[in-house]
């Protein structure tokens, strides 16, 4: 099912969901950067990018060494990995749901609480 609309909501339409729009824009910018890394450096460059900025569970549990190029402190990858997508279907699907449902969540929670959420 692909969402295109959410009806019968009681949230105020007067509040513009700037945070949600910003999150969608940042997701697309990071995705386009991923595409550029892959196009300019080949498969090894995109693998290094994902290994560096994606969340690698064994790095958190100290079961493997931290990859060179991983940002410090390590917990930053919990946030950078949220903006990475594996392909066009992945990002378009996620952003469709975020656009339809995130607007209403932001309107009910407010901008800052929504961003923290």
N, C-alpha and C. Protein backbone atom coordinates (compact mmCIF):
# COMPACT_ATOMS: atom_id res chain seq x y z
N UNK A 1 0.84 -1.16 0.00
CA UNK A 1 0.00 0.00 0.00
C UNK A 1 0.89 1.23 0.00
N UNK A 2 0.62 2.13 -0.90
CA UNK A 2 1.37 3.39 -0.97
C UNK A 2 0.45 4.50 -0.46
N UNK A 3 0.87 5.19 0.61
CA UNK A 3 0.02 6.26 1.15
C UNK A 3 0.06 7.48 0.24
N UNK A 4 -1.05 8.16 0.13
CA UNK A 4 -1.06 9.42 -0.61
C UNK A 4 -1.82 10.50 0.14
N UNK A 5 -2.55 10.10 1.20
CA UNK A 5 -3.34 11.08 1.92
C UNK A 5 -3.71 10.50 3.28
N UNK A 6 -3.87 11.37 4.25
CA UNK A 6 -4.38 10.98 5.56
C UNK A 6 -5.55 11.90 5.86
N UNK A 7 -6.73 11.34 6.02
CA UNK A 7 -7.92 12.16 6.24
C UNK A 7 -8.45 11.95 7.64
N UNK A 8 -9.43 12.76 7.99
CA UNK A 8 -10.10 12.68 9.28
C UNK A 8 -9.12 12.83 10.44
N UNK A 9 -8.30 13.86 10.37
CA UNK A 9 -7.38 14.15 11.46
C UNK A 9 -7.85 15.41 12.18
N UNK A 10 -7.50 15.50 13.43
CA UNK A 10 -7.93 16.66 14.21
C UNK A 10 -6.80 17.66 14.41
N UNK A 11 -5.64 17.43 13.77
CA UNK A 11 -4.54 18.36 13.97
C UNK A 11 -4.76 19.63 13.16
N UNK A 12 -4.17 20.69 13.63
CA UNK A 12 -4.36 22.00 13.01
C UNK A 12 -3.60 22.09 11.69
N UNK A 13 -4.28 22.51 10.65
CA UNK A 13 -3.64 22.70 9.35
C UNK A 13 -2.87 24.01 9.31
N UNK A 14 -3.01 24.85 10.34
CA UNK A 14 -2.35 26.15 10.35
C UNK A 14 -0.85 26.04 10.60
N UNK A 15 -0.41 24.92 11.17
CA UNK A 15 1.00 24.75 11.47
C UNK A 15 1.70 24.13 10.26
N UNK A 16 2.66 24.85 9.70
CA UNK A 16 3.42 24.34 8.56
C UNK A 16 4.47 23.37 9.08
N UNK A 17 4.53 22.14 8.58
CA UNK A 17 5.47 21.13 9.09
C UNK A 17 6.90 21.33 8.57
N UNK A 18 7.55 22.41 8.98
CA UNK A 18 8.88 22.73 8.49
C UNK A 18 9.91 21.67 8.85
N UNK A 19 9.82 21.10 10.03
CA UNK A 19 10.78 20.09 10.45
C UNK A 19 10.69 18.87 9.55
N UNK A 20 9.48 18.44 9.26
CA UNK A 20 9.29 17.27 8.40
C UNK A 20 9.82 17.53 6.99
N UNK A 21 9.53 18.70 6.46
CA UNK A 21 10.04 19.05 5.13
C UNK A 21 11.56 19.09 5.16
N UNK A 22 12.13 19.64 6.21
CA UNK A 22 13.59 19.67 6.35
C UNK A 22 14.20 18.28 6.40
N UNK A 23 13.56 17.37 7.14
CA UNK A 23 14.06 16.00 7.21
C UNK A 23 14.02 15.32 5.84
N UNK A 24 12.97 15.56 5.09
CA UNK A 24 12.87 14.97 3.75
C UNK A 24 13.96 15.52 2.85
N UNK A 25 14.21 16.82 2.91
CA UNK A 25 15.25 17.44 2.09
C UNK A 25 16.62 16.89 2.47
N UNK A 26 16.91 16.78 3.76
CA UNK A 26 18.21 16.26 4.20
C UNK A 26 18.38 14.81 3.74
N UNK A 27 17.33 14.00 3.84
CA UNK A 27 17.41 12.61 3.37
C UNK A 27 17.78 12.56 1.89
N UNK A 28 17.13 13.38 1.08
CA UNK A 28 17.44 13.38 -0.36
C UNK A 28 18.85 13.91 -0.62
N UNK A 29 19.28 14.94 0.09
CA UNK A 29 20.64 15.45 -0.11
C UNK A 29 21.69 14.40 0.22
N UNK A 30 21.51 13.68 1.32
CA UNK A 30 22.45 12.62 1.68
C UNK A 30 22.41 11.50 0.64
N UNK A 31 21.22 11.16 0.16
CA UNK A 31 21.11 10.12 -0.87
C UNK A 31 21.81 10.54 -2.16
N UNK A 32 21.63 11.79 -2.57
CA UNK A 32 22.32 12.27 -3.77
C UNK A 32 23.83 12.28 -3.56
N UNK A 33 24.27 12.57 -2.34
CA UNK A 33 25.70 12.51 -2.05
C UNK A 33 26.19 11.06 -2.16
N UNK A 34 25.41 10.12 -1.63
CA UNK A 34 25.77 8.70 -1.78
C UNK A 34 25.91 8.33 -3.25
N UNK A 35 24.96 8.77 -4.07
CA UNK A 35 25.03 8.49 -5.51
C UNK A 35 26.28 9.09 -6.13
N UNK A 36 26.63 10.31 -5.72
CA UNK A 36 27.82 10.97 -6.25
C UNK A 36 29.09 10.23 -5.83
N UNK A 37 29.14 9.76 -4.59
CA UNK A 37 30.30 9.00 -4.12
C UNK A 37 30.44 7.72 -4.94
N UNK A 38 29.33 7.04 -5.16
CA UNK A 38 29.36 5.81 -5.95
C UNK A 38 29.75 6.05 -7.39
N UNK A 39 29.29 7.16 -7.97
CA UNK A 39 29.60 7.46 -9.37
C UNK A 39 31.05 7.87 -9.57
N UNK A 40 31.59 8.61 -8.61
CA UNK A 40 32.95 9.12 -8.79
C UNK A 40 34.02 8.13 -8.34
N UNK A 41 33.70 7.32 -7.34
CA UNK A 41 34.75 6.45 -6.78
C UNK A 41 34.52 4.98 -6.99
N UNK A 42 33.41 4.61 -7.56
CA UNK A 42 33.14 3.21 -7.80
C UNK A 42 32.58 2.50 -6.57
N UNK A 43 32.53 1.18 -6.69
CA UNK A 43 31.92 0.37 -5.65
C UNK A 43 32.69 0.41 -4.34
N UNK A 44 34.01 0.47 -4.40
CA UNK A 44 34.79 0.50 -3.16
C UNK A 44 34.55 1.80 -2.39
N UNK A 45 34.35 2.91 -3.12
CA UNK A 45 34.13 4.19 -2.44
C UNK A 45 32.80 4.19 -1.70
N UNK A 46 31.76 3.64 -2.34
CA UNK A 46 30.46 3.60 -1.66
C UNK A 46 30.49 2.62 -0.49
N UNK A 47 31.21 1.54 -0.62
CA UNK A 47 31.35 0.61 0.51
C UNK A 47 32.06 1.27 1.68
N UNK A 48 33.10 2.03 1.39
CA UNK A 48 33.81 2.76 2.46
C UNK A 48 32.90 3.79 3.11
N UNK A 49 32.09 4.49 2.30
CA UNK A 49 31.17 5.49 2.83
C UNK A 49 30.15 4.84 3.77
N UNK A 50 29.56 3.74 3.34
CA UNK A 50 28.57 3.05 4.17
C UNK A 50 29.22 2.48 5.42
N UNK A 51 30.40 1.91 5.28
CA UNK A 51 31.11 1.35 6.44
C UNK A 51 31.47 2.44 7.44
N UNK A 52 31.79 3.63 6.95
CA UNK A 52 32.19 4.72 7.84
C UNK A 52 31.01 5.39 8.53
N UNK A 53 29.94 5.66 7.79
CA UNK A 53 28.83 6.46 8.33
C UNK A 53 27.59 5.64 8.69
N UNK A 54 27.58 4.36 8.34
CA UNK A 54 26.49 3.49 8.75
C UNK A 54 26.73 2.96 10.15
N UNK A 55 25.67 2.54 10.81
CA UNK A 55 25.80 1.97 12.14
C UNK A 55 26.22 0.51 12.00
N UNK A 56 27.37 0.18 12.55
CA UNK A 56 27.89 -1.19 12.49
C UNK A 56 27.82 -1.75 13.91
N UNK A 57 26.87 -2.67 14.17
CA UNK A 57 26.65 -3.14 15.54
C UNK A 57 27.89 -3.70 16.23
N UNK A 58 28.73 -4.42 15.50
CA UNK A 58 29.89 -5.03 16.17
C UNK A 58 30.88 -3.97 16.66
N UNK A 59 30.86 -2.77 16.07
CA UNK A 59 31.72 -1.70 16.58
C UNK A 59 31.24 -1.22 17.94
N UNK A 60 29.95 -1.22 18.15
CA UNK A 60 29.39 -0.79 19.44
C UNK A 60 29.61 -1.81 20.54
N UNK A 61 29.66 -3.07 20.17
CA UNK A 61 29.83 -4.12 21.17
C UNK A 61 31.29 -4.54 21.31
N UNK A 62 32.19 -3.87 20.59
CA UNK A 62 33.63 -4.14 20.63
C UNK A 62 33.97 -5.56 20.15
N UNK A 63 33.14 -6.11 19.27
CA UNK A 63 33.44 -7.41 18.68
C UNK A 63 34.24 -7.30 17.40
N UNK A 64 34.43 -6.08 16.92
CA UNK A 64 35.28 -5.84 15.75
C UNK A 64 35.92 -4.47 15.90
N UNK A 65 36.95 -4.26 15.13
CA UNK A 65 37.66 -2.99 15.19
C UNK A 65 36.82 -1.90 14.50
N UNK A 66 36.99 -0.69 14.97
CA UNK A 66 36.30 0.45 14.35
C UNK A 66 36.99 0.76 13.03
N UNK A 67 36.20 0.90 11.98
CA UNK A 67 36.73 1.14 10.64
C UNK A 67 37.43 2.48 10.56
N UNK A 68 38.50 2.55 9.77
CA UNK A 68 39.13 3.85 9.53
C UNK A 68 38.13 4.77 8.82
N UNK A 69 38.08 6.02 9.21
CA UNK A 69 37.17 6.97 8.61
C UNK A 69 35.87 7.12 9.35
N UNK A 70 35.63 6.27 10.35
CA UNK A 70 34.41 6.39 11.15
C UNK A 70 34.50 7.65 11.99
N UNK A 71 33.42 8.45 11.99
CA UNK A 71 33.47 9.70 12.76
C UNK A 71 33.64 9.43 14.26
N UNK A 72 34.27 10.37 14.91
CA UNK A 72 34.43 10.28 16.36
C UNK A 72 33.61 11.41 16.97
N UNK A 73 32.91 11.17 18.02
CA UNK A 73 32.71 9.90 18.74
C UNK A 73 31.81 8.95 17.95
N UNK A 74 31.91 7.70 18.30
CA UNK A 74 31.24 6.63 17.56
C UNK A 74 29.73 6.77 17.52
N UNK A 75 29.12 7.32 18.56
CA UNK A 75 27.65 7.42 18.61
C UNK A 75 27.06 8.29 17.51
N UNK A 76 27.88 9.10 16.84
CA UNK A 76 27.39 9.93 15.74
C UNK A 76 26.81 9.07 14.62
N UNK A 77 27.34 7.86 14.45
CA UNK A 77 26.83 6.97 13.39
C UNK A 77 25.38 6.55 13.64
N UNK A 78 24.91 6.66 14.87
CA UNK A 78 23.48 6.38 15.12
C UNK A 78 22.61 7.39 14.39
N UNK A 79 23.11 8.60 14.20
CA UNK A 79 22.35 9.64 13.51
C UNK A 79 22.64 9.66 12.02
N UNK A 80 23.91 9.51 11.64
CA UNK A 80 24.24 9.55 10.21
C UNK A 80 23.59 8.38 9.46
N UNK A 81 23.46 7.23 10.11
CA UNK A 81 22.87 6.07 9.45
C UNK A 81 21.37 6.25 9.19
N UNK A 82 20.72 7.14 9.93
CA UNK A 82 19.29 7.38 9.73
C UNK A 82 18.99 8.04 8.39
N UNK A 83 19.98 8.67 7.79
CA UNK A 83 19.77 9.40 6.55
C UNK A 83 20.29 8.65 5.33
N UNK A 84 20.78 7.44 5.52
CA UNK A 84 21.33 6.66 4.41
C UNK A 84 20.27 5.70 3.88
N UNK A 85 20.24 5.55 2.55
CA UNK A 85 19.25 4.67 1.91
C UNK A 85 19.95 3.80 0.87
N UNK A 86 19.37 2.64 0.62
CA UNK A 86 19.99 1.65 -0.24
C UNK A 86 19.61 1.71 -1.70
N UNK A 87 18.74 2.58 -2.10
CA UNK A 87 18.35 2.67 -3.50
C UNK A 87 17.13 3.57 -3.65
N UNK A 88 16.73 3.75 -4.91
CA UNK A 88 15.61 4.64 -5.20
C UNK A 88 14.30 4.17 -4.55
N UNK A 89 14.01 2.88 -4.63
CA UNK A 89 12.76 2.37 -4.04
C UNK A 89 12.76 2.59 -2.53
N UNK A 90 13.90 2.41 -1.90
CA UNK A 90 14.03 2.58 -0.46
C UNK A 90 13.74 4.02 -0.05
N UNK A 91 14.40 4.98 -0.69
CA UNK A 91 14.21 6.37 -0.28
C UNK A 91 12.83 6.89 -0.67
N UNK A 92 12.33 6.54 -1.86
CA UNK A 92 11.01 7.02 -2.28
C UNK A 92 9.91 6.46 -1.38
N UNK A 93 10.00 5.20 -1.02
CA UNK A 93 9.02 4.61 -0.10
C UNK A 93 9.06 5.26 1.27
N UNK A 94 10.25 5.41 1.81
CA UNK A 94 10.38 6.03 3.13
C UNK A 94 9.90 7.47 3.14
N UNK A 95 10.25 8.23 2.11
CA UNK A 95 9.87 9.64 2.08
C UNK A 95 8.38 9.82 1.82
N UNK A 96 7.75 8.90 1.09
CA UNK A 96 6.29 8.97 0.91
C UNK A 96 5.59 8.81 2.25
N UNK A 97 6.00 7.82 3.03
CA UNK A 97 5.40 7.62 4.35
C UNK A 97 5.72 8.78 5.28
N UNK A 98 6.95 9.27 5.24
CA UNK A 98 7.32 10.40 6.10
C UNK A 98 6.50 11.63 5.74
N UNK A 99 6.29 11.88 4.45
CA UNK A 99 5.54 13.05 4.02
C UNK A 99 4.08 12.96 4.45
N UNK A 100 3.46 11.81 4.28
CA UNK A 100 2.03 11.67 4.60
C UNK A 100 1.80 11.65 6.10
N UNK A 101 2.57 10.86 6.83
CA UNK A 101 2.30 10.69 8.26
C UNK A 101 3.10 11.64 9.13
N UNK A 102 4.30 12.01 8.71
CA UNK A 102 5.14 12.90 9.51
C UNK A 102 4.54 14.28 9.68
N UNK A 103 3.84 14.77 8.65
CA UNK A 103 3.19 16.08 8.76
C UNK A 103 2.23 16.12 9.93
N UNK A 104 1.42 15.08 10.08
CA UNK A 104 0.43 15.04 11.15
C UNK A 104 1.08 14.84 12.52
N UNK A 105 2.13 14.04 12.56
CA UNK A 105 2.82 13.84 13.83
C UNK A 105 3.47 15.14 14.28
N UNK A 106 4.10 15.85 13.35
CA UNK A 106 4.72 17.13 13.71
C UNK A 106 3.69 18.14 14.17
N UNK A 107 2.55 18.19 13.49
CA UNK A 107 1.50 19.14 13.89
C UNK A 107 0.97 18.82 15.28
N UNK A 108 0.91 17.56 15.63
CA UNK A 108 0.39 17.21 16.96
C UNK A 108 1.44 17.38 18.06
N UNK A 109 2.72 17.19 17.74
CA UNK A 109 3.77 17.26 18.74
C UNK A 109 4.44 18.63 18.82
N UNK A 110 4.46 19.34 17.73
CA UNK A 110 5.23 20.58 17.67
C UNK A 110 6.58 20.30 17.00
N UNK A 111 7.23 21.37 16.55
CA UNK A 111 8.44 21.22 15.74
C UNK A 111 9.60 20.59 16.51
N UNK A 112 9.93 21.12 17.67
CA UNK A 112 11.10 20.63 18.40
C UNK A 112 10.90 19.23 18.98
N UNK A 113 9.73 18.98 19.53
CA UNK A 113 9.45 17.63 20.07
C UNK A 113 9.48 16.59 18.95
N UNK A 114 8.96 16.96 17.79
CA UNK A 114 8.98 16.06 16.63
C UNK A 114 10.41 15.76 16.19
N UNK A 115 11.25 16.79 16.14
CA UNK A 115 12.63 16.59 15.75
C UNK A 115 13.34 15.68 16.73
N UNK A 116 13.10 15.89 18.02
CA UNK A 116 13.73 15.03 19.04
C UNK A 116 13.18 13.60 18.94
N UNK A 117 11.91 13.48 18.61
CA UNK A 117 11.27 12.17 18.48
C UNK A 117 11.86 11.43 17.29
